[in-house]
């Protein structure tokens, strides 16, 4: 692990049995954490991806860069996280055409889900509890599971998995690169 990696905020489910950083950026405050939770039929995993708003920054070559945190971008990210995670790996060249078709199908489904981001008949509103405050969690059901997103103020999250717990409570933590730092409490 790079000890010089930037510390960044990450949200994790409050009642997780185990946590693992599965995605991070060395340049931007984006972190994905897979959490194992107890369920009525055994354990299951949720993925929570935290993106910290950093404002619009000007790169060295004069390009404006920012974290896309609008509902359409978040709906697209959440749906992609769920659906792409279910794609089968390619084991041979013969499978390449079928794999390409599967990815194109995921792209079509993601685009449709993102286009409906503001439609409350397609993206149900449920509460997500963060440090005692209730935030709006936009949830869309798919045959493969669910995709969700929430605007938490300075941060936004996307969440995906096989099913959503009845009450979702997130805790704020910090990570440094691929390492989730100890809970200070």
Protein backbone atom coordinates (compact mmCIF):
# COMPACT_ATOMS: atom_id res chain seq x y z
CA UNK A 1 0.00 0.00 0.00
CA UNK A 2 1.15 3.52 -0.69
CA UNK A 3 1.49 5.23 2.70
CA UNK A 4 1.51 8.57 0.88
CA UNK A 5 -2.01 7.97 -0.50
CA UNK A 6 -4.52 10.65 0.34
CA UNK A 7 -6.94 10.03 3.19
CA UNK A 8 -10.53 10.25 2.08
CA UNK A 9 -14.01 9.85 3.51
CA UNK A 10 -15.79 6.58 2.94
CA UNK A 11 -19.22 5.39 4.06
CA UNK A 12 -19.80 1.84 5.25
CA UNK A 13 -22.91 -0.01 6.47
CA UNK A 14 -23.21 0.23 10.26
CA UNK A 15 -23.80 -3.46 10.92
CA UNK A 16 -21.29 -4.98 8.53
CA UNK A 17 -19.58 -8.23 9.54
CA UNK A 18 -16.59 -7.46 7.34
CA UNK A 19 -15.38 -4.60 5.14
CA UNK A 20 -12.96 -4.56 2.21
CA UNK A 21 -11.80 -1.64 0.05
CA UNK A 22 -12.34 -2.87 -3.51
CA UNK A 23 -11.74 0.28 -5.56
CA UNK A 24 -9.92 3.56 -4.99
CA UNK A 25 -8.22 6.34 -6.88
CA UNK A 26 -4.77 7.68 -6.13
CA UNK A 27 -5.73 11.09 -7.52
CA UNK A 28 -9.43 11.59 -6.70
CA UNK A 29 -11.41 10.98 -3.50
CA UNK A 30 -13.41 7.98 -4.79
CA UNK A 31 -13.53 4.77 -2.75
CA UNK A 32 -15.57 1.59 -3.14
CA UNK A 33 -16.09 -0.71 -0.15
CA UNK A 34 -17.63 -4.17 -0.21
CA UNK A 35 -19.46 -4.94 3.03
CA UNK A 36 -20.67 -8.33 4.19
CA UNK A 37 -23.95 -8.12 6.10
CA UNK A 38 -26.02 -10.69 7.96
CA UNK A 39 -29.25 -11.62 6.20
CA UNK A 40 -32.20 -13.89 6.90
CA UNK A 41 -30.84 -16.47 4.42
CA UNK A 42 -27.14 -16.09 5.23
CA UNK A 43 -24.60 -13.37 4.57
CA UNK A 44 -24.69 -11.09 1.53
CA UNK A 45 -22.50 -8.31 0.15
CA UNK A 46 -23.26 -4.68 -0.63
CA UNK A 47 -20.92 -2.37 -2.46
CA UNK A 48 -20.89 1.26 -1.33
CA UNK A 49 -19.00 3.70 -3.54
CA UNK A 50 -18.27 7.09 -1.93
CA UNK A 51 -17.41 10.15 -4.01
CA UNK A 52 -16.29 13.32 -2.26
CA UNK A 53 -17.23 16.58 -3.94
CA UNK A 54 -14.03 18.50 -4.60
CA UNK A 55 -15.34 21.40 -6.66
CA UNK A 56 -14.34 22.14 -10.23
CA UNK A 57 -10.57 22.02 -10.54
CA UNK A 58 -8.36 23.28 -13.33
CA UNK A 59 -5.77 20.77 -14.53
CA UNK A 60 -2.22 21.67 -15.54
CA UNK A 61 -3.24 21.69 -19.20
CA UNK A 62 -6.23 24.00 -18.64
CA UNK A 63 -9.05 21.44 -18.55
CA UNK A 64 -11.83 21.83 -15.95
CA UNK A 65 -12.45 18.61 -14.01
CA UNK A 66 -15.08 17.76 -11.41
CA UNK A 67 -16.90 14.83 -9.87
CA UNK A 68 -20.19 14.23 -11.70
CA UNK A 69 -22.76 14.15 -8.89
CA UNK A 70 -26.01 14.92 -10.69
CA UNK A 71 -28.85 12.33 -10.38
CA UNK A 72 -28.41 11.04 -13.94
CA UNK A 73 -24.68 10.40 -13.44
CA UNK A 74 -25.29 8.77 -10.05
CA UNK A 75 -28.12 6.58 -11.38
CA UNK A 76 -25.89 5.51 -14.26
CA UNK A 77 -22.99 4.69 -11.94
CA UNK A 78 -25.17 2.72 -9.52
CA UNK A 79 -26.85 0.71 -12.27
CA UNK A 80 -23.51 0.02 -13.99
CA UNK A 81 -21.96 -1.18 -10.70
CA UNK A 82 -24.77 -3.70 -10.22
CA UNK A 83 -25.18 -4.94 -13.78
CA UNK A 84 -21.51 -5.05 -14.78
CA UNK A 85 -20.69 -7.03 -11.63
CA UNK A 86 -22.92 -9.82 -12.95
CA UNK A 87 -21.11 -10.15 -16.31
CA UNK A 88 -19.36 -13.46 -16.83
CA UNK A 89 -15.60 -13.38 -17.46
CA UNK A 90 -14.31 -14.22 -20.93
CA UNK A 91 -12.48 -17.54 -20.90
CA UNK A 92 -11.82 -17.88 -24.63
CA UNK A 93 -11.81 -15.91 -27.89
CA UNK A 94 -14.96 -17.77 -28.95
CA UNK A 95 -16.82 -16.09 -26.10
CA UNK A 96 -15.85 -12.57 -27.18
CA UNK A 97 -18.95 -11.89 -29.40
CA UNK A 98 -21.35 -13.06 -26.67
CA UNK A 99 -19.47 -11.01 -24.07
CA UNK A 100 -19.62 -7.91 -26.27
CA UNK A 101 -23.38 -8.42 -26.71
CA UNK A 102 -23.78 -8.78 -22.92
CA UNK A 103 -21.88 -5.52 -22.31
CA UNK A 104 -23.99 -3.73 -24.94
CA UNK A 105 -27.12 -5.02 -23.18
CA UNK A 106 -25.81 -3.68 -19.86
CA UNK A 107 -25.09 -0.32 -21.53
CA UNK A 108 -28.69 -0.16 -22.86
CA UNK A 109 -30.16 -1.04 -19.45
CA UNK A 110 -27.93 1.50 -17.69
CA UNK A 111 -28.91 4.24 -20.15
CA UNK A 112 -32.61 3.48 -19.59
CA UNK A 113 -32.18 3.52 -15.80
CA UNK A 114 -30.25 6.80 -15.92
CA UNK A 115 -32.86 8.41 -18.16
CA UNK A 116 -35.46 7.62 -15.48
CA UNK A 117 -33.38 9.04 -12.58
CA UNK A 118 -36.00 11.63 -11.65
CA UNK A 119 -38.98 9.25 -11.99
CA UNK A 120 -40.10 8.22 -8.50
CA UNK A 121 -42.12 5.35 -9.96
CA UNK A 122 -38.84 3.84 -11.22
CA UNK A 123 -36.47 5.02 -8.44
CA UNK A 124 -38.25 4.55 -5.10
CA UNK A 125 -37.29 6.89 -2.26
CA UNK A 126 -36.19 5.17 0.95
CA UNK A 127 -34.38 6.57 3.98
CA UNK A 128 -30.68 6.07 4.60
CA UNK A 129 -29.51 7.03 8.09
CA UNK A 130 -26.13 8.77 8.37
CA UNK A 131 -24.95 9.92 11.79
CA UNK A 132 -28.57 10.21 12.98
CA UNK A 133 -29.78 12.19 9.94
CA UNK A 134 -32.22 10.79 7.36
CA UNK A 135 -31.24 11.27 3.73
CA UNK A 136 -33.12 10.29 0.57
CA UNK A 137 -31.90 7.05 -0.99
CA UNK A 138 -33.06 6.58 -4.59
CA UNK A 139 -33.50 2.81 -5.14
CA UNK A 140 -34.19 0.90 -8.35
CA UNK A 141 -34.94 -2.81 -8.40
CA UNK A 142 -33.48 -5.06 -11.10
CA UNK A 143 -33.83 -8.83 -11.51
CA UNK A 144 -30.14 -9.02 -10.47
CA UNK A 145 -30.60 -6.98 -7.27
CA UNK A 146 -30.82 -3.25 -6.62
CA UNK A 147 -28.96 -0.06 -7.45
CA UNK A 148 -29.21 3.08 -5.33
CA UNK A 149 -27.74 6.54 -4.87
CA UNK A 150 -27.88 9.32 -2.29
CA UNK A 151 -26.65 12.89 -1.98
CA UNK A 152 -25.17 13.25 1.52
CA UNK A 153 -24.03 16.86 1.14
CA UNK A 154 -20.23 16.97 0.81
CA UNK A 155 -20.29 13.37 -0.44
CA UNK A 156 -22.48 11.21 -2.65
CA UNK A 157 -22.79 7.44 -2.59
CA UNK A 158 -23.88 4.71 -4.94
CA UNK A 159 -24.88 1.36 -3.48
CA UNK A 160 -25.58 -1.99 -5.14
CA UNK A 161 -26.16 -5.56 -4.11
CA UNK A 162 -28.57 -8.49 -4.14
CA UNK A 163 -31.01 -6.81 -1.74
CA UNK A 164 -31.25 -3.78 0.50
CA UNK A 165 -31.52 -4.21 4.27
CA UNK A 166 -34.85 -3.03 5.78
CA UNK A 167 -33.04 -0.09 7.42
CA UNK A 168 -29.77 1.09 5.93
CA UNK A 169 -27.49 2.98 8.26
CA UNK A 170 -24.13 4.24 7.04
CA UNK A 171 -21.15 5.26 9.14
CA UNK A 172 -18.46 7.73 8.09
CA UNK A 173 -14.95 6.27 8.06
CA UNK A 174 -11.63 7.14 6.43
CA UNK A 175 -9.51 5.20 4.01
CA UNK A 176 -5.99 5.68 2.79
CA UNK A 177 -5.50 4.08 -0.58
CA UNK A 178 -6.61 0.43 -0.32
CA UNK A 179 -6.67 0.49 3.48
CA UNK A 180 -9.75 1.23 5.56
CA UNK A 181 -8.52 3.06 8.65
CA UNK A 182 -9.63 1.92 12.12
CA UNK A 183 -12.91 3.26 13.43
CA UNK A 184 -12.00 6.04 15.89
CA UNK A 185 -14.94 5.23 18.20
